[in-house]
């Protein structure tokens, strides 16, 4: 699909509705713009949620890592 876009004096580009619908873009979606030898490439930006770890969650990780280290040590001894 091809579309002609206009850049406003403020640098705003509006994607036509048919193009947004075809690509599945919604309001407040983020795009990454990069230059390529062919021109400008727009692609969806992937946003991942961030988890802030509590002290108890950090202890869970530490316990799991200690258990894994012990398991690996036992397997190494069996060789």
C-alpha atoms as a PDB file:
ATOM      1  CA  UNK A   1       0.000   0.000   0.000  1.00  0.00           C
ATOM      2  CA  UNK A   2       1.257   3.458  -0.844  1.00  0.00           C
ATOM      3  CA  UNK A   3       0.162   6.769   0.607  1.00  0.00           C
ATOM      4  CA  UNK A   4       1.255  10.363   0.210  1.00  0.00           C
ATOM      5  CA  UNK A   5       1.939  12.135   3.494  1.00  0.00           C
ATOM      6  CA  UNK A   6       2.371  15.798   4.321  1.00  0.00           C
ATOM      7  CA  UNK A   7       4.736  17.198   6.927  1.00  0.00           C
ATOM      8  CA  UNK A   8       3.407  20.292   8.719  1.00  0.00           C
ATOM      9  CA  UNK A   9       5.583  23.266   9.640  1.00  0.00           C
ATOM     10  CA  UNK A  10       5.828  21.740  13.121  1.00  0.00           C
ATOM     11  CA  UNK A  11       7.106  18.438  11.696  1.00  0.00           C
ATOM     12  CA  UNK A  12       3.876  16.523  12.292  1.00  0.00           C
ATOM     13  CA  UNK A  13       3.080  13.699   9.868  1.00  0.00           C
ATOM     14  CA  UNK A  14      -0.424  12.265   9.669  1.00  0.00           C
ATOM     15  CA  UNK A  15      -0.853   8.691   8.482  1.00  0.00           C
ATOM     16  CA  UNK A  16      -4.047   8.290   6.437  1.00  0.00           C
ATOM     17  CA  UNK A  17      -6.791   6.252   8.108  1.00  0.00           C
ATOM     18  CA  UNK A  18      -6.620   3.440   5.523  1.00  0.00           C
ATOM     19  CA  UNK A  19      -2.890   3.050   6.146  1.00  0.00           C
ATOM     20  CA  UNK A  20      -3.349   3.076   9.943  1.00  0.00           C
ATOM     21  CA  UNK A  21      -6.101   0.476   9.674  1.00  0.00           C
ATOM     22  CA  UNK A  22      -4.081  -1.726   7.324  1.00  0.00           C
ATOM     23  CA  UNK A  23      -1.135  -1.676   9.739  1.00  0.00           C
ATOM     24  CA  UNK A  24      -3.273  -2.004  12.868  1.00  0.00           C
ATOM     25  CA  UNK A  25      -2.012   1.274  14.358  1.00  0.00           C
ATOM     26  CA  UNK A  26      -4.087   2.846  17.111  1.00  0.00           C
ATOM     27  CA  UNK A  27      -3.984   6.210  18.877  1.00  0.00           C
ATOM     28  CA  UNK A  28      -0.915   6.568  21.124  1.00  0.00           C
ATOM     29  CA  UNK A  29       0.957   3.687  19.429  1.00  0.00           C
ATOM     30  CA  UNK A  30       4.668   4.355  19.099  1.00  0.00           C
ATOM     31  CA  UNK A  31       6.650   3.983  15.889  1.00  0.00           C
ATOM     32  CA  UNK A  32      10.360   3.781  15.225  1.00  0.00           C
ATOM     33  CA  UNK A  33      11.569   5.832  12.262  1.00  0.00           C
ATOM     34  CA  UNK A  34      14.884   4.944  10.691  1.00  0.00           C
ATOM     35  CA  UNK A  35      16.644   5.870   7.528  1.00  0.00           C
ATOM     36  CA  UNK A  36      17.515   3.119   5.076  1.00  0.00           C
ATOM     37  CA  UNK A  37      19.151   3.190   1.634  1.00  0.00           C
ATOM     38  CA  UNK A  38      15.605   3.023   0.205  1.00  0.00           C
ATOM     39  CA  UNK A  39      14.294   5.951   2.270  1.00  0.00           C
ATOM     40  CA  UNK A  40      12.433   6.270   5.567  1.00  0.00           C
ATOM     41  CA  UNK A  41      11.215   3.143   7.342  1.00  0.00           C
ATOM     42  CA  UNK A  42       8.433   3.339   9.944  1.00  0.00           C
ATOM     43  CA  UNK A  43       7.841   0.293  12.100  1.00  0.00           C
ATOM     44  CA  UNK A  44       5.962  -0.416  15.319  1.00  0.00           C
ATOM     45  CA  UNK A  45       7.910   0.063  18.530  1.00  0.00           C
ATOM     46  CA  UNK A  46       7.550  -2.768  20.986  1.00  0.00           C
ATOM     47  CA  UNK A  47       6.962  -1.635  24.546  1.00  0.00           C
ATOM     48  CA  UNK A  48       7.437  -4.114  27.349  1.00  0.00           C
ATOM     49  CA  UNK A  49       6.136  -3.675  30.882  1.00  0.00           C
ATOM     50  CA  UNK A  50       8.718  -3.102  33.590  1.00  0.00           C
ATOM     51  CA  UNK A  51       8.554  -5.037  36.829  1.00  0.00           C
ATOM     52  CA  UNK A  52       9.964  -3.338  39.920  1.00  0.00           C
ATOM     53  CA  UNK A  53      11.233  -6.100  42.190  1.00  0.00           C
ATOM     54  CA  UNK A  54      10.339  -6.033  45.865  1.00  0.00           C
ATOM     55  CA  UNK A  55      12.814  -7.334  48.442  1.00  0.00           C
ATOM     56  CA  UNK A  56      10.814 -10.571  48.757  1.00  0.00           C
ATOM     57  CA  UNK A  57      10.895 -11.058  44.961  1.00  0.00           C
ATOM     58  CA  UNK A  58      14.683 -10.536  44.949  1.00  0.00           C
ATOM     59  CA  UNK A  59      14.979 -13.185  47.688  1.00  0.00           C
ATOM     60  CA  UNK A  60      12.924 -15.565  45.501  1.00  0.00           C
ATOM     61  CA  UNK A  61      15.416 -15.040  42.667  1.00  0.00           C
ATOM     62  CA  UNK A  62      18.354 -15.583  45.023  1.00  0.00           C
ATOM     63  CA  UNK A  63      16.817 -18.811  46.341  1.00  0.00           C
ATOM     64  CA  UNK A  64      16.119 -20.100  42.820  1.00  0.00           C
ATOM     65  CA  UNK A  65      19.684 -19.286  41.715  1.00  0.00           C
ATOM     66  CA  UNK A  66      21.127 -21.071  44.764  1.00  0.00           C
ATOM     67  CA  UNK A  67      18.978 -24.138  44.044  1.00  0.00           C
ATOM     68  CA  UNK A  68      20.111 -24.134  40.409  1.00  0.00           C
ATOM     69  CA  UNK A  69      23.768 -23.821  41.412  1.00  0.00           C
ATOM     70  CA  UNK A  70      23.394 -26.758  43.813  1.00  0.00           C
ATOM     71  CA  UNK A  71      21.700 -28.886  41.143  1.00  0.00           C
ATOM     72  CA  UNK A  72      24.408 -28.094  38.597  1.00  0.00           C
ATOM     73  CA  UNK A  73      27.137 -28.863  41.153  1.00  0.00           C
ATOM     74  CA  UNK A  74      25.565 -32.278  41.887  1.00  0.00           C
ATOM     75  CA  UNK A  75      25.356 -33.072  38.168  1.00  0.00           C
ATOM     76  CA  UNK A  76      28.958 -32.035  37.685  1.00  0.00           C
ATOM     77  CA  UNK A  77      30.071 -34.332  40.552  1.00  0.00           C
ATOM     78  CA  UNK A  78      28.290 -37.311  38.949  1.00  0.00           C
ATOM     79  CA  UNK A  79      30.384 -37.021  35.796  1.00  0.00           C
END
